[in-house]
Amino acid sequence: TMGPYSLLLFFSAVLLLLLIYCLHPTHIHHWTLGLQMCWQTVWHLYIQYQLYWLQETPDSRLLLAISALMLMTQRVSSLSLDLQEGTITSSFQNSSQDLSVLIPFLSYSLNFPALLGG
């Protein structure tokens, strides 16, 4: 039912995987939190543009997606801080170039009952 707005969440999850893949764990939290907050801010500004400039009410599915995006920001930033502090480790950083080790990070960040239920 989310339709094209579900891409907002998928983009955040893919961004997290790319950052885990590309960055050293000591730098991952700053980049993840910064990019995630920028992505979220763009969508909040778009809602403000719709409300005040166009005088339209935003689609309720967009508002639900933004709500889930805010929860996703919390999950992604928590995960990136755990990676930076060494609480959890990415086996991708330590061993082979197999992308299947990123699946636990993807499943954690896209846990839809937690995203939609709070």
N, C-alpha and C. Protein backbone atom coordinates (compact mmCIF):
# COMPACT_ATOMS: atom_id res chain seq x y z
N THR A 1 0.81 -1.20 0.00
CA THR A 1 0.00 0.00 0.00
C THR A 1 0.85 1.27 0.00
N MET A 2 2.13 1.12 0.32
CA MET A 2 3.00 2.30 0.34
C MET A 2 3.38 2.75 -1.06
N GLY A 3 3.36 1.82 -1.99
CA GLY A 3 3.67 2.16 -3.37
C GLY A 3 5.07 2.72 -3.54
N PRO A 4 5.19 3.80 -4.30
CA PRO A 4 6.52 4.35 -4.57
C PRO A 4 7.20 4.95 -3.35
N TYR A 5 6.44 5.23 -2.30
CA TYR A 5 7.04 5.82 -1.11
C TYR A 5 7.88 4.82 -0.31
N SER A 6 7.72 3.55 -0.59
CA SER A 6 8.56 2.56 0.08
C SER A 6 10.02 2.69 -0.35
N LEU A 7 10.25 3.34 -1.47
CA LEU A 7 11.62 3.55 -1.92
C LEU A 7 12.41 4.46 -0.98
N LEU A 8 11.73 5.29 -0.23
CA LEU A 8 12.41 6.13 0.77
C LEU A 8 13.15 5.25 1.77
N LEU A 9 12.48 4.19 2.22
CA LEU A 9 13.09 3.29 3.20
C LEU A 9 14.16 2.42 2.56
N PHE A 10 13.90 1.95 1.35
CA PHE A 10 14.90 1.11 0.68
C PHE A 10 16.16 1.90 0.39
N PHE A 11 16.02 3.18 0.04
CA PHE A 11 17.19 4.00 -0.21
C PHE A 11 18.04 4.12 1.05
N SER A 12 17.40 4.31 2.20
CA SER A 12 18.14 4.42 3.45
C SER A 12 18.87 3.13 3.79
N ALA A 13 18.22 2.00 3.55
CA ALA A 13 18.86 0.71 3.83
C ALA A 13 20.03 0.45 2.90
N VAL A 14 19.87 0.77 1.63
CA VAL A 14 20.95 0.57 0.66
C VAL A 14 22.11 1.52 0.97
N LEU A 15 21.79 2.73 1.38
CA LEU A 15 22.83 3.69 1.76
C LEU A 15 23.64 3.16 2.93
N LEU A 16 22.97 2.57 3.91
CA LEU A 16 23.67 1.98 5.04
C LEU A 16 24.61 0.87 4.58
N LEU A 17 24.13 0.00 3.70
CA LEU A 17 24.98 -1.09 3.22
C LEU A 17 26.18 -0.58 2.44
N LEU A 18 25.97 0.46 1.64
CA LEU A 18 27.09 1.03 0.90
C LEU A 18 28.13 1.65 1.83
N LEU A 19 27.66 2.31 2.87
CA LEU A 19 28.59 2.91 3.81
C LEU A 19 29.35 1.85 4.61
N ILE A 20 28.67 0.77 4.99
CA ILE A 20 29.37 -0.33 5.66
C ILE A 20 30.41 -0.93 4.74
N TYR A 21 30.06 -1.04 3.47
CA TYR A 21 30.95 -1.62 2.47
C TYR A 21 32.17 -0.73 2.21
N CYS A 22 31.97 0.59 2.19
CA CYS A 22 33.02 1.50 1.73
C CYS A 22 33.86 2.13 2.85
N LEU A 23 33.29 2.33 4.02
CA LEU A 23 33.98 3.10 5.04
C LEU A 23 34.56 2.23 6.14
N HIS A 24 35.59 2.75 6.75
CA HIS A 24 36.17 2.12 7.92
C HIS A 24 35.20 2.34 9.09
N PRO A 25 35.08 1.37 9.99
CA PRO A 25 34.11 1.52 11.09
C PRO A 25 34.30 2.75 11.97
N THR A 26 35.49 3.31 12.03
CA THR A 26 35.69 4.50 12.87
C THR A 26 35.05 5.75 12.28
N HIS A 27 34.73 5.74 11.00
CA HIS A 27 34.14 6.91 10.34
C HIS A 27 32.69 6.71 9.94
N ILE A 28 32.15 5.53 10.18
CA ILE A 28 30.84 5.21 9.61
C ILE A 28 29.69 5.98 10.25
N HIS A 29 29.76 6.26 11.54
CA HIS A 29 28.62 6.90 12.21
C HIS A 29 28.41 8.33 11.74
N HIS A 30 29.48 9.08 11.58
CA HIS A 30 29.35 10.47 11.14
C HIS A 30 28.70 10.55 9.76
N TRP A 31 29.17 9.72 8.86
CA TRP A 31 28.62 9.72 7.50
C TRP A 31 27.18 9.22 7.48
N THR A 32 26.92 8.16 8.20
CA THR A 32 25.58 7.59 8.20
C THR A 32 24.57 8.57 8.78
N LEU A 33 24.88 9.12 9.93
CA LEU A 33 23.94 10.05 10.55
C LEU A 33 23.77 11.31 9.70
N GLY A 34 24.86 11.83 9.16
CA GLY A 34 24.76 13.03 8.33
C GLY A 34 23.94 12.83 7.08
N LEU A 35 24.20 11.75 6.36
CA LEU A 35 23.45 11.50 5.12
C LEU A 35 22.01 11.14 5.40
N GLN A 36 21.78 10.39 6.46
CA GLN A 36 20.41 10.02 6.81
C GLN A 36 19.60 11.25 7.20
N MET A 37 20.20 12.15 7.97
CA MET A 37 19.49 13.36 8.37
C MET A 37 19.24 14.28 7.17
N CYS A 38 20.19 14.34 6.24
CA CYS A 38 19.97 15.14 5.03
C CYS A 38 18.82 14.58 4.20
N TRP A 39 18.78 13.27 4.05
CA TRP A 39 17.71 12.60 3.30
C TRP A 39 16.35 12.87 3.95
N GLN A 40 16.31 12.78 5.26
CA GLN A 40 15.08 13.03 5.99
C GLN A 40 14.67 14.50 5.89
N THR A 41 15.63 15.41 5.96
CA THR A 41 15.34 16.84 5.87
C THR A 41 14.78 17.21 4.50
N VAL A 42 15.30 16.61 3.45
CA VAL A 42 14.79 16.88 2.10
C VAL A 42 13.31 16.55 2.02
N TRP A 43 12.92 15.42 2.58
CA TRP A 43 11.51 15.03 2.52
C TRP A 43 10.64 15.89 3.42
N HIS A 44 11.17 16.33 4.56
CA HIS A 44 10.40 17.25 5.39
C HIS A 44 10.22 18.60 4.69
N LEU A 45 11.24 19.07 4.02
CA LEU A 45 11.10 20.32 3.26
C LEU A 45 10.11 20.17 2.11
N TYR A 46 10.07 19.00 1.50
CA TYR A 46 9.10 18.76 0.43
C TYR A 46 7.67 18.82 0.97
N ILE A 47 7.46 18.28 2.15
CA ILE A 47 6.13 18.36 2.77
C ILE A 47 5.77 19.82 3.07
N GLN A 48 6.74 20.57 3.59
CA GLN A 48 6.48 21.99 3.85
C GLN A 48 6.18 22.74 2.56
N TYR A 49 6.88 22.40 1.50
CA TYR A 49 6.62 23.01 0.19
C TYR A 49 5.20 22.71 -0.27
N GLN A 50 4.78 21.47 -0.11
CA GLN A 50 3.42 21.12 -0.51
C GLN A 50 2.37 21.85 0.33
N LEU A 51 2.61 21.95 1.62
CA LEU A 51 1.63 22.57 2.51
C LEU A 51 1.53 24.07 2.32
N TYR A 52 2.65 24.75 2.27
CA TYR A 52 2.63 26.21 2.33
C TYR A 52 2.78 26.90 0.98
N TRP A 53 3.47 26.29 0.05
CA TRP A 53 3.65 26.93 -1.25
C TRP A 53 2.56 26.51 -2.22
N LEU A 54 2.32 25.21 -2.32
CA LEU A 54 1.31 24.72 -3.24
C LEU A 54 -0.09 24.70 -2.63
N GLN A 55 -0.18 24.86 -1.32
CA GLN A 55 -1.47 24.82 -0.62
C GLN A 55 -2.20 23.49 -0.85
N GLU A 56 -1.44 22.40 -0.84
CA GLU A 56 -2.01 21.07 -1.00
C GLU A 56 -1.77 20.28 0.28
N THR A 57 -2.61 19.32 0.51
CA THR A 57 -2.34 18.41 1.62
C THR A 57 -1.50 17.25 1.10
N PRO A 58 -0.45 16.89 1.80
CA PRO A 58 0.38 15.78 1.35
C PRO A 58 -0.38 14.46 1.41
N ASP A 59 0.05 13.55 0.59
CA ASP A 59 -0.53 12.21 0.56
C ASP A 59 -0.30 11.53 1.91
N SER A 60 -1.30 10.86 2.41
CA SER A 60 -1.17 10.20 3.72
C SER A 60 -0.13 9.09 3.67
N ARG A 61 0.06 8.48 2.51
CA ARG A 61 1.10 7.46 2.39
C ARG A 61 2.49 8.08 2.52
N LEU A 62 2.66 9.30 2.02
CA LEU A 62 3.94 9.99 2.18
C LEU A 62 4.20 10.30 3.65
N LEU A 63 3.18 10.73 4.36
CA LEU A 63 3.35 11.02 5.79
C LEU A 63 3.69 9.76 6.58
N LEU A 64 3.08 8.65 6.20
CA LEU A 64 3.41 7.38 6.85
C LEU A 64 4.83 6.95 6.53
N ALA A 65 5.24 7.17 5.29
CA ALA A 65 6.62 6.83 4.90
C ALA A 65 7.63 7.71 5.63
N ILE A 66 7.32 8.97 5.83
CA ILE A 66 8.22 9.86 6.57
C ILE A 66 8.31 9.44 8.03
N SER A 67 7.19 9.01 8.59
CA SER A 67 7.20 8.51 9.95
C SER A 67 8.09 7.27 10.07
N ALA A 68 7.96 6.37 9.12
CA ALA A 68 8.81 5.18 9.10
C ALA A 68 10.27 5.55 8.84
N LEU A 69 10.49 6.60 8.04
CA LEU A 69 11.86 7.06 7.77
C LEU A 69 12.51 7.60 9.03
N MET A 70 11.75 8.27 9.87
CA MET A 70 12.32 8.76 11.12
C MET A 70 12.72 7.61 12.04
N LEU A 71 11.90 6.56 12.07
CA LEU A 71 12.27 5.37 12.84
C LEU A 71 13.47 4.67 12.23
N MET A 72 13.53 4.66 10.90
CA MET A 72 14.67 4.06 10.21
C MET A 72 15.95 4.83 10.53
N THR A 73 15.86 6.15 10.62
CA THR A 73 17.02 6.96 10.98
C THR A 73 17.55 6.57 12.34
N GLN A 74 16.66 6.33 13.28
CA GLN A 74 17.08 5.91 14.61
C GLN A 74 17.76 4.56 14.56
N ARG A 75 17.21 3.62 13.82
CA ARG A 75 17.77 2.27 13.74
C ARG A 75 19.13 2.29 13.05
N VAL A 76 19.22 3.04 11.96
CA VAL A 76 20.47 3.09 11.19
C VAL A 76 21.56 3.79 11.98
N SER A 77 21.22 4.87 12.67
CA SER A 77 22.24 5.58 13.43
C SER A 77 22.68 4.74 14.64
N SER A 78 21.77 4.01 15.25
CA SER A 78 22.14 3.13 16.35
C SER A 78 23.08 2.03 15.88
N LEU A 79 22.76 1.45 14.73
CA LEU A 79 23.61 0.40 14.17
C LEU A 79 24.99 0.93 13.79
N SER A 80 25.04 2.11 13.20
CA SER A 80 26.33 2.67 12.80
C SER A 80 27.18 3.05 14.01
N LEU A 81 26.53 3.52 15.08
CA LEU A 81 27.29 3.83 16.29
C LEU A 81 27.83 2.56 16.93
N ASP A 82 27.05 1.49 16.90
CA ASP A 82 27.55 0.20 17.41
C ASP A 82 28.73 -0.29 16.59
N LEU A 83 28.68 -0.09 15.29
CA LEU A 83 29.82 -0.47 14.45
C LEU A 83 31.04 0.39 14.77
N GLN A 84 30.85 1.67 14.97
CA GLN A 84 31.97 2.56 15.26
C GLN A 84 32.59 2.25 16.61
N GLU A 85 31.76 1.98 17.60
CA GLU A 85 32.29 1.69 18.93
C GLU A 85 32.83 0.28 19.07
N GLY A 86 32.58 -0.57 18.09
CA GLY A 86 33.08 -1.93 18.15
C GLY A 86 32.19 -2.88 18.92
N THR A 87 30.99 -2.43 19.30
CA THR A 87 30.06 -3.31 20.00
C THR A 87 29.67 -4.49 19.13
N ILE A 88 29.46 -4.22 17.86
CA ILE A 88 29.27 -5.28 16.87
C ILE A 88 30.31 -5.07 15.78
N THR A 89 30.63 -6.13 15.09
CA THR A 89 31.61 -6.03 14.01
C THR A 89 30.98 -6.50 12.71
N SER A 90 31.42 -5.92 11.67
CA SER A 90 31.01 -6.34 10.34
C SER A 90 32.01 -7.37 9.84
N SER A 91 31.54 -8.57 9.64
CA SER A 91 32.46 -9.60 9.15
C SER A 91 32.91 -9.28 7.73
N PHE A 92 32.20 -8.40 7.06
CA PHE A 92 32.62 -7.98 5.73
C PHE A 92 33.93 -7.20 5.80
N GLN A 93 34.07 -6.37 6.82
CA GLN A 93 35.28 -5.58 6.97
C GLN A 93 36.48 -6.45 7.31
N ASN A 94 36.23 -7.60 7.94
CA ASN A 94 37.32 -8.41 8.44
C ASN A 94 37.74 -9.53 7.52
N SER A 95 36.88 -9.95 6.60
CA SER A 95 37.22 -11.15 5.83
C SER A 95 37.00 -10.95 4.35
N SER A 96 36.26 -11.83 3.76
CA SER A 96 36.15 -11.92 2.31
C SER A 96 35.34 -10.78 1.72
N GLN A 97 35.25 -10.77 0.42
CA GLN A 97 34.49 -9.76 -0.30
C GLN A 97 33.08 -10.25 -0.63
N ASP A 98 32.58 -11.23 0.12
CA ASP A 98 31.26 -11.80 -0.10
C ASP A 98 30.20 -10.85 0.46
N LEU A 99 29.28 -10.45 -0.40
CA LEU A 99 28.26 -9.48 0.01
C LEU A 99 27.17 -10.10 0.88
N SER A 100 27.14 -11.42 0.99
CA SER A 100 26.08 -12.05 1.78
C SER A 100 26.21 -11.75 3.27
N VAL A 101 27.37 -11.31 3.72
CA VAL A 101 27.52 -10.98 5.14
C VAL A 101 26.80 -9.67 5.50
N LEU A 102 26.35 -8.92 4.50
CA LEU A 102 25.62 -7.68 4.75
C LEU A 102 24.12 -7.93 4.99
N ILE A 103 23.66 -9.15 4.77
CA ILE A 103 22.24 -9.46 4.91
C ILE A 103 21.73 -9.21 6.33
N PRO A 104 22.47 -9.57 7.40
CA PRO A 104 21.95 -9.24 8.74
C PRO A 104 21.73 -7.75 8.97
N PHE A 105 22.59 -6.91 8.41
CA PHE A 105 22.41 -5.46 8.55
C PHE A 105 21.17 -4.99 7.80
N LEU A 106 20.94 -5.57 6.63
CA LEU A 106 19.77 -5.22 5.84
C LEU A 106 18.50 -5.67 6.54
N SER A 107 18.51 -6.88 7.07
CA SER A 107 17.30 -7.38 7.74
C SER A 107 17.01 -6.60 9.01
N TYR A 108 18.05 -6.16 9.72
CA TYR A 108 17.82 -5.36 10.92
C TYR A 108 17.23 -4.00 10.56
N SER A 109 17.78 -3.37 9.54
CA SER A 109 17.31 -2.02 9.21
C SER A 109 15.94 -2.03 8.55
N LEU A 110 15.56 -3.12 7.90
CA LEU A 110 14.26 -3.18 7.23
C LEU A 110 13.25 -4.03 7.99
N ASN A 111 13.38 -4.13 9.29
CA ASN A 111 12.40 -4.87 10.10
C ASN A 111 11.11 -4.07 10.12
N PHE A 112 10.21 -4.37 9.18
CA PHE A 112 9.03 -3.55 8.97
C PHE A 112 8.08 -3.48 10.17
N PRO A 113 7.85 -4.56 10.93
CA PRO A 113 6.95 -4.37 12.08
C PRO A 113 7.51 -3.34 13.07
N ALA A 114 8.81 -3.30 13.24
CA ALA A 114 9.38 -2.30 14.14
C ALA A 114 9.32 -0.91 13.52
N LEU A 115 9.47 -0.82 12.21
CA LEU A 115 9.41 0.49 11.56
C LEU A 115 8.00 1.06 11.57
N LEU A 116 7.04 0.22 11.29
CA LEU A 116 5.68 0.73 11.17
C LEU A 116 4.95 0.77 12.51
N GLY A 117 5.43 -0.02 13.47
CA GLY A 117 4.76 -0.05 14.75
C GLY A 117 5.41 0.80 15.82
N GLY A 118 6.62 1.25 15.56
CA GLY A 118 7.28 2.09 16.54
C GLY A 118 8.09 1.29 17.45
